[in-house]
Structure formats: structure tokens, C-alpha cells
Amino acid sequence: MLDSVSRLPHLFPQLEEILFPIMQAMCSEEGQDVFEEILEMISYFTYFSPEVSFDCLLDFAHCGAHCVLCGPHLEFTLQV
């Protein structure tokens, strides 16, 4: 889907509002199977979108750190 709208960057902010909550929900133990697809979607947003919400990217950085540092079964809290 994102590939088909990559030439229409003005649509990405609207898609961000719809897809980011779903993508964030998949950054959990249940979404481990689709983590690679989530990363691919993030790459589309960061490359093609005219602007991306910093808060959303920070949430995904936290999600990625959790998966890399703790594995799927441990709790991780980002200390800022």
C-alpha cells in the first residue's frame, strides 16, 4: 500500500494518523512475527513523507530498543 502512494507524499500525514497506532500495537510480543514489516513501513514514512511526527518516531525507537535489548519476553522502560 505504501509503495503505491509513495509518489503522493501529501497522503503520508493522513496515513500516519491511521497506521501508526496499528504499527505501535504490533510492537509487542504478539507482533514479533511482523516486526520486519513494521520497520519497512517506518522506512517508507521517513523517506517519502514530507514530515513525520517526532513523537511517533520516538515511540518506535523505544519499541526497537525493547526488542533488541530485552527480547520478546522482558519488560523494558526507556529512561530519558
C-alpha atoms as a PDB file:
ATOM      1  CA  MET A   1       0.000   0.000   0.000  1.00  0.00           C
ATOM      2  CA  LEU A   2       2.723   2.492   0.953  1.00  0.00           C
ATOM      3  CA  ASP A   3       4.626   1.696  -2.219  1.00  0.00           C
ATOM      4  CA  SER A   4       1.589   2.617  -4.307  1.00  0.00           C
ATOM      5  CA  VAL A   5       1.246   6.037  -2.622  1.00  0.00           C
ATOM      6  CA  SER A   6       4.978   6.798  -2.465  1.00  0.00           C
ATOM      7  CA  ARG A   7       4.560   9.230  -5.363  1.00  0.00           C
ATOM      8  CA  LEU A   8       1.835  11.074  -3.416  1.00  0.00           C
ATOM      9  CA  PRO A   9       3.724  12.350  -0.372  1.00  0.00           C
ATOM     10  CA  HIS A  10       0.870  14.623   0.691  1.00  0.00           C
ATOM     11  CA  LEU A  11      -1.076  11.479   1.709  1.00  0.00           C
ATOM     12  CA  PHE A  12       1.529  10.264   4.205  1.00  0.00           C
ATOM     13  CA  PRO A  13       0.469  12.509   7.121  1.00  0.00           C
ATOM     14  CA  GLN A  14      -3.080  11.157   6.824  1.00  0.00           C
ATOM     15  CA  LEU A  15      -1.773   7.596   6.640  1.00  0.00           C
ATOM     16  CA  GLU A  16       0.427   8.263   9.665  1.00  0.00           C
ATOM     17  CA  GLU A  17      -2.653   9.030  11.756  1.00  0.00           C
ATOM     18  CA  ILE A  18      -4.267   5.758  10.692  1.00  0.00           C
ATOM     19  CA  LEU A  19      -1.319   3.367  10.563  1.00  0.00           C
ATOM     20  CA  PHE A  20       0.945   4.447  13.423  1.00  0.00           C
ATOM     21  CA  PRO A  21      -1.430   3.275  16.193  1.00  0.00           C
ATOM     22  CA  ILE A  22      -1.696  -0.112  14.474  1.00  0.00           C
ATOM     23  CA  MET A  23       2.061  -0.289  13.999  1.00  0.00           C
ATOM     24  CA  GLN A  24       2.633   0.614  17.651  1.00  0.00           C
ATOM     25  CA  ALA A  25       0.235  -2.109  18.747  1.00  0.00           C
ATOM     26  CA  MET A  26       2.254  -4.587  16.692  1.00  0.00           C
ATOM     27  CA  CYS A  27       5.437  -3.607  18.560  1.00  0.00           C
ATOM     28  CA  SER A  28       4.572  -6.080  21.259  1.00  0.00           C
ATOM     29  CA  GLU A  29       5.031  -9.754  21.881  1.00  0.00           C
ATOM     30  CA  GLU A  30       2.049 -10.542  19.635  1.00  0.00           C
ATOM     31  CA  GLY A  31       3.589  -8.572  16.769  1.00  0.00           C
ATOM     32  CA  GLN A  32       7.007 -10.202  16.780  1.00  0.00           C
ATOM     33  CA  ASP A  33       6.174 -12.012  13.540  1.00  0.00           C
ATOM     34  CA  VAL A  34       5.538  -8.768  11.653  1.00  0.00           C
ATOM     35  CA  PHE A  35       8.362  -6.671  13.121  1.00  0.00           C
ATOM     36  CA  GLU A  36      10.287  -6.620   9.833  1.00  0.00           C
ATOM     37  CA  GLU A  37       7.212  -5.310   8.009  1.00  0.00           C
ATOM     38  CA  ILE A  38       6.779  -2.609  10.675  1.00  0.00           C
ATOM     39  CA  LEU A  39      10.375  -1.492  10.088  1.00  0.00           C
ATOM     40  CA  GLU A  40       9.753  -1.403   6.345  1.00  0.00           C
ATOM     41  CA  MET A  41       6.685   0.784   6.886  1.00  0.00           C
ATOM     42  CA  ILE A  42       8.706   3.132   9.106  1.00  0.00           C
ATOM     43  CA  SER A  43      11.298   3.424   6.351  1.00  0.00           C
ATOM     44  CA  TYR A  44       8.589   4.462   3.880  1.00  0.00           C
ATOM     45  CA  PHE A  45       7.350   7.157   6.264  1.00  0.00           C
ATOM     46  CA  THR A  46      10.826   8.517   6.950  1.00  0.00           C
ATOM     47  CA  TYR A  47      11.864   8.520   3.282  1.00  0.00           C
ATOM     48  CA  PHE A  48       8.747   9.605   1.379  1.00  0.00           C
ATOM     49  CA  SER A  49       6.731  11.665   3.858  1.00  0.00           C
ATOM     50  CA  PRO A  50       7.290  15.432   3.854  1.00  0.00           C
ATOM     51  CA  GLU A  51       7.314  15.310   7.668  1.00  0.00           C
ATOM     52  CA  VAL A  52       6.952  12.636  10.306  1.00  0.00           C
ATOM     53  CA  SER A  53       5.749  13.085  13.856  1.00  0.00           C
ATOM     54  CA  PHE A  54       8.782  13.103  16.169  1.00  0.00           C
ATOM     55  CA  ASP A  55       6.728  11.575  18.987  1.00  0.00           C
ATOM     56  CA  CYS A  56       5.792   8.626  16.797  1.00  0.00           C
ATOM     57  CA  LEU A  57       9.393   8.044  15.783  1.00  0.00           C
ATOM     58  CA  LEU A  58      10.469   8.204  19.417  1.00  0.00           C
ATOM     59  CA  ASP A  59       7.852   5.571  20.266  1.00  0.00           C
ATOM     60  CA  PHE A  60       9.233   3.309  17.540  1.00  0.00           C
ATOM     61  CA  ALA A  61      12.798   3.867  18.739  1.00  0.00           C
ATOM     62  CA  HIS A  62      11.627   2.721  22.182  1.00  0.00           C
ATOM     63  CA  CYS A  63       9.923  -0.286  20.606  1.00  0.00           C
ATOM     64  CA  GLY A  64      13.055  -1.219  18.641  1.00  0.00           C
ATOM     65  CA  ALA A  65      15.255  -0.858  21.702  1.00  0.00           C
ATOM     66  CA  HIS A  66      12.899  -3.097  23.643  1.00  0.00           C
ATOM     67  CA  CYS A  67      13.029  -5.840  21.018  1.00  0.00           C
ATOM     68  CA  VAL A  68      16.807  -5.666  20.595  1.00  0.00           C
ATOM     69  CA  LEU A  69      17.865  -5.241  24.221  1.00  0.00           C
ATOM     70  CA  CYS A  70      15.290  -7.281  26.076  1.00  0.00           C
ATOM     71  CA  GLY A  71      13.883  -9.819  23.712  1.00  0.00           C
ATOM     72  CA  PRO A  72      10.199 -10.577  23.421  1.00  0.00           C
ATOM     73  CA  HIS A  73       9.601 -11.713  26.997  1.00  0.00           C
ATOM     74  CA  LEU A  74      11.080  -8.983  29.206  1.00  0.00           C
ATOM     75  CA  GLU A  75       9.798  -5.563  30.224  1.00  0.00           C
ATOM     76  CA  PHE A  76      11.833  -2.541  29.199  1.00  0.00           C
ATOM     77  CA  THR A  77      11.386   1.037  30.325  1.00  0.00           C
ATOM     78  CA  LEU A  78      13.159   3.828  28.474  1.00  0.00           C
ATOM     79  CA  GLN A  79      14.909   6.168  30.904  1.00  0.00           C
ATOM     80  CA  VAL A  80      15.231   9.672  29.478  1.00  0.00           C
END
